[in-house]
Amino acid sequence: MEIDKVKTQSKIRVNITVDKHLLEKAKTKLNLFGGKLSTLFNAYLKEFVESMQKAPAESHHQILAKINDLELKIKKLEDKRK
């Protein structure tokens, strides 16, 4: 019984309102998540929380580094074509 009690305390039931059309579209994708809407919602919630914990500047610098890397790769490819 004690194990069940710990599991129950780590989760809460939440009532939400969603767009019916989007929910119908999501149902076709739910097979990827075991068919449970709660699993899909948890995945989005986890991603949201992780993104909020990152500093905006950190994300910005990562994006700039990726852009610079891609620009270098494109330039190398263009040079090879010449």
C-alpha atoms as a PDB file:
ATOM      1  CA  MET A   1       0.000   0.000   0.000  1.00  0.00           C
ATOM      2  CA  GLU A   2       2.779   2.450   0.781  1.00  0.00           C
ATOM      3  CA  ILE A   3       4.182   2.252  -2.770  1.00  0.00           C
ATOM      4  CA  ASP A   4       0.761   3.131  -4.219  1.00  0.00           C
ATOM      5  CA  LYS A   5       0.519   6.081  -1.857  1.00  0.00           C
ATOM      6  CA  VAL A   6       3.854   7.469  -3.074  1.00  0.00           C
ATOM      7  CA  LYS A   7       2.810   7.068  -6.714  1.00  0.00           C
ATOM      8  CA  THR A   8      -0.478   8.822  -6.107  1.00  0.00           C
ATOM      9  CA  GLN A   9       1.204  11.763  -4.398  1.00  0.00           C
ATOM     10  CA  SER A  10       3.498  12.387  -7.384  1.00  0.00           C
ATOM     11  CA  LYS A  11       0.570  12.882  -9.783  1.00  0.00           C
ATOM     12  CA  ILE A  12      -2.539  15.017  -9.716  1.00  0.00           C
ATOM     13  CA  ARG A  13      -5.708  14.948 -11.774  1.00  0.00           C
ATOM     14  CA  VAL A  14      -6.265  18.085 -13.862  1.00  0.00           C
ATOM     15  CA  ASN A  15      -9.373  19.087 -15.793  1.00  0.00           C
ATOM     16  CA  ILE A  16      -8.557  21.028 -18.948  1.00  0.00           C
ATOM     17  CA  THR A  17     -10.511  22.391 -21.878  1.00  0.00           C
ATOM     18  CA  VAL A  18      -9.045  21.807 -25.317  1.00  0.00           C
ATOM     19  CA  ASP A  19     -10.013  22.630 -28.883  1.00  0.00           C
ATOM     20  CA  LYS A  20     -12.142  19.732 -30.164  1.00  0.00           C
ATOM     21  CA  HIS A  21     -10.661  19.866 -33.681  1.00  0.00           C
ATOM     22  CA  LEU A  22      -7.085  19.764 -32.369  1.00  0.00           C
ATOM     23  CA  LEU A  23      -7.933  16.910 -30.030  1.00  0.00           C
ATOM     24  CA  GLU A  24      -9.349  14.891 -32.918  1.00  0.00           C
ATOM     25  CA  LYS A  25      -6.158  15.503 -34.911  1.00  0.00           C
ATOM     26  CA  ALA A  26      -4.023  14.562 -31.901  1.00  0.00           C
ATOM     27  CA  LYS A  27      -5.877  11.271 -31.452  1.00  0.00           C
ATOM     28  CA  THR A  28      -4.354  10.039 -34.704  1.00  0.00           C
ATOM     29  CA  LYS A  29      -0.883  10.742 -33.301  1.00  0.00           C
ATOM     30  CA  LEU A  30      -1.527   9.283 -29.844  1.00  0.00           C
ATOM     31  CA  ASN A  31      -0.487   5.810 -30.934  1.00  0.00           C
ATOM     32  CA  LEU A  32       3.081   7.106 -30.716  1.00  0.00           C
ATOM     33  CA  PHE A  33       2.475   7.833 -27.022  1.00  0.00           C
ATOM     34  CA  GLY A  34       0.710   4.616 -26.084  1.00  0.00           C
ATOM     35  CA  GLY A  35      -2.685   6.074 -26.901  1.00  0.00           C
ATOM     36  CA  LYS A  36      -3.012   8.148 -23.746  1.00  0.00           C
ATOM     37  CA  LEU A  37      -3.676  11.857 -23.859  1.00  0.00           C
ATOM     38  CA  SER A  38      -2.075  12.256 -20.432  1.00  0.00           C
ATOM     39  CA  THR A  39       1.222  10.891 -21.778  1.00  0.00           C
ATOM     40  CA  LEU A  40       1.178  13.391 -24.639  1.00  0.00           C
ATOM     41  CA  PHE A  41       0.320  16.234 -22.270  1.00  0.00           C
ATOM     42  CA  ASN A  42       3.119  15.196 -19.883  1.00  0.00           C
ATOM     43  CA  ALA A  43       5.610  15.239 -22.762  1.00  0.00           C
ATOM     44  CA  TYR A  44       4.617  18.793 -23.718  1.00  0.00           C
ATOM     45  CA  LEU A  45       4.579  19.912 -20.091  1.00  0.00           C
ATOM     46  CA  LYS A  46       8.058  18.482 -19.491  1.00  0.00           C
ATOM     47  CA  GLU A  47       9.426  20.220 -22.607  1.00  0.00           C
ATOM     48  CA  PHE A  48       7.825  23.502 -21.539  1.00  0.00           C
ATOM     49  CA  VAL A  49       9.291  23.329 -18.018  1.00  0.00           C
ATOM     50  CA  GLU A  50      12.757  22.461 -19.336  1.00  0.00           C
ATOM     51  CA  SER A  51      12.679  25.362 -21.783  1.00  0.00           C
ATOM     52  CA  MET A  52      11.622  27.754 -19.034  1.00  0.00           C
ATOM     53  CA  GLN A  53      14.579  26.678 -16.893  1.00  0.00           C
ATOM     54  CA  LYS A  54      17.078  27.650 -19.588  1.00  0.00           C
ATOM     55  CA  ALA A  55      18.284  31.196 -19.694  1.00  0.00           C
ATOM     56  CA  PRO A  56      17.057  32.993 -22.834  1.00  0.00           C
ATOM     57  CA  ALA A  57      20.601  34.068 -23.667  1.00  0.00           C
ATOM     58  CA  GLU A  58      21.747  30.451 -23.499  1.00  0.00           C
ATOM     59  CA  SER A  59      19.141  29.390 -26.046  1.00  0.00           C
ATOM     60  CA  HIS A  60      19.962  32.401 -28.228  1.00  0.00           C
ATOM     61  CA  HIS A  61      23.684  31.571 -28.225  1.00  0.00           C
ATOM     62  CA  GLN A  62      22.951  27.945 -29.090  1.00  0.00           C
ATOM     63  CA  ILE A  63      20.804  28.998 -32.033  1.00  0.00           C
ATOM     64  CA  LEU A  64      23.435  31.452 -33.274  1.00  0.00           C
ATOM     65  CA  ALA A  65      26.118  28.774 -33.031  1.00  0.00           C
ATOM     66  CA  LYS A  66      23.978  26.372 -35.068  1.00  0.00           C
ATOM     67  CA  ILE A  67      23.280  29.055 -37.675  1.00  0.00           C
ATOM     68  CA  ASN A  68      26.989  29.858 -37.988  1.00  0.00           C
ATOM     69  CA  ASP A  69      27.785  26.160 -38.313  1.00  0.00           C
ATOM     70  CA  LEU A  70      25.177  25.734 -41.055  1.00  0.00           C
ATOM     71  CA  GLU A  71      26.440  28.809 -42.899  1.00  0.00           C
ATOM     72  CA  LEU A  72      29.972  27.385 -42.882  1.00  0.00           C
ATOM     73  CA  LYS A  73      28.718  24.058 -44.221  1.00  0.00           C
ATOM     74  CA  ILE A  74      26.761  25.796 -46.975  1.00  0.00           C
ATOM     75  CA  LYS A  75      29.800  27.857 -47.928  1.00  0.00           C
ATOM     76  CA  LYS A  76      31.967  24.714 -48.121  1.00  0.00           C
ATOM     77  CA  LEU A  77      29.389  23.035 -50.346  1.00  0.00           C
ATOM     78  CA  GLU A  78      29.177  26.074 -52.585  1.00  0.00           C
ATOM     79  CA  ASP A  79      32.972  26.214 -52.866  1.00  0.00           C
ATOM     80  CA  LYS A  80      33.066  22.537 -53.899  1.00  0.00           C
ATOM     81  CA  ARG A  81      30.539  23.208 -56.662  1.00  0.00           C
ATOM     82  CA  LYS A  82      32.763  25.902 -58.213  1.00  0.00           C
END
